[in-house]
Protein backbone atom coordinates (compact mmCIF):
# COMPACT_ATOMS: atom_id res chain seq x y z
CA UNK A 1 13.21 -16.03 -9.13
CA UNK A 2 10.56 -16.88 -11.74
CA UNK A 3 7.73 -16.34 -9.18
CA UNK A 4 8.97 -12.82 -8.55
CA UNK A 5 9.05 -12.06 -12.26
CA UNK A 6 5.52 -13.45 -12.79
CA UNK A 7 4.15 -11.38 -9.90
CA UNK A 8 5.84 -8.28 -11.41
CA UNK A 9 4.17 -8.86 -14.74
CA UNK A 10 0.72 -9.25 -13.17
CA UNK A 11 0.96 -6.12 -11.11
CA UNK A 12 1.08 -3.38 -13.74
CA UNK A 13 -0.46 -0.53 -11.84
CA UNK A 14 0.26 0.46 -8.28
CA UNK A 15 0.29 3.52 -6.04
CA UNK A 16 1.68 4.18 -2.54
CA UNK A 17 -0.64 6.00 -0.15
CA UNK A 18 0.63 8.52 2.44
CA UNK A 19 -0.50 6.04 5.13
CA UNK A 20 2.18 3.53 4.05
CA UNK A 21 -0.07 1.18 2.08
CA UNK A 22 0.63 0.06 -1.44
CA UNK A 23 -2.44 -0.35 -3.70
CA UNK A 24 -2.46 -2.19 -6.98
CA UNK A 25 -4.90 -3.42 -9.68
CA UNK A 26 -4.72 -6.92 -10.94
CA UNK A 27 -6.34 -7.31 -14.36
CA UNK A 28 -5.92 -11.12 -14.30
CA UNK A 29 -7.77 -11.66 -11.01
CA UNK A 30 -10.00 -8.60 -11.65
CA UNK A 31 -9.52 -7.05 -8.28
CA UNK A 32 -7.80 -4.15 -6.47
CA UNK A 33 -5.72 -5.09 -3.44
CA UNK A 34 -3.56 -3.34 -0.85
CA UNK A 35 -0.92 -4.25 1.72
CA UNK A 36 1.58 -2.65 4.05
CA UNK A 37 4.87 -1.75 2.40
CA UNK A 38 6.48 -4.84 3.95
CA UNK A 39 3.89 -7.09 2.35
CA UNK A 40 1.89 -7.78 5.49
CA UNK A 41 -1.84 -7.40 5.90
CA UNK A 42 -2.76 -8.19 2.29
CA UNK A 43 -6.42 -7.46 1.63
CA UNK A 44 -8.88 -7.13 -1.21
CA UNK A 45 -10.21 -3.62 -1.60
CA UNK A 46 -12.50 -4.31 -4.56
CA UNK A 47 -13.09 -7.89 -5.65
CA UNK A 48 -16.46 -7.89 -7.47
CA UNK A 49 -17.71 -5.93 -10.49
CA UNK A 50 -14.35 -5.31 -12.16
CA UNK A 51 -13.45 -6.44 -15.67
CA UNK A 52 -10.01 -5.00 -16.52
CA UNK A 53 -8.99 -2.59 -13.71
CA UNK A 54 -5.92 -0.63 -14.75
CA UNK A 55 -5.53 2.92 -13.46
CA UNK A 56 -5.42 3.97 -9.79
CA UNK A 57 -5.48 7.31 -7.93
CA UNK A 58 -5.74 8.07 -4.24
CA UNK A 59 -7.35 11.17 -2.75
CA UNK A 60 -5.69 11.07 0.63
CA UNK A 61 -7.51 14.13 1.93
CA UNK A 62 -10.91 12.74 1.01
CA UNK A 63 -9.84 9.15 1.78
CA UNK A 64 -11.08 7.90 -1.60
CA UNK A 65 -9.66 5.50 -4.18
CA UNK A 66 -10.43 6.08 -7.88
CA UNK A 67 -9.79 3.62 -10.63
CA UNK A 68 -10.33 3.04 -14.33
CA UNK A 69 -11.65 -0.20 -15.83
CA UNK A 70 -11.09 -0.52 -19.57
CA UNK A 71 -13.22 -3.67 -19.68
CA UNK A 72 -16.47 -1.96 -18.75
CA UNK A 73 -18.51 0.23 -21.06
């Protein structure tokens, strides 16, 4: 149970795409990841160049992911 709680604390920002993927930013690991809704096919979307990623938005028509990073200037 404590592992689930810890994971919930680390994943503060997430969004579900129309294609059935969930995207989230992890400000501890400094990356943006995604997976299927059932947790399978976990993959890093952005894993370099982030400091404190925190906001996410998906443009499903343009197939683009936007994010904010409060750690960069």
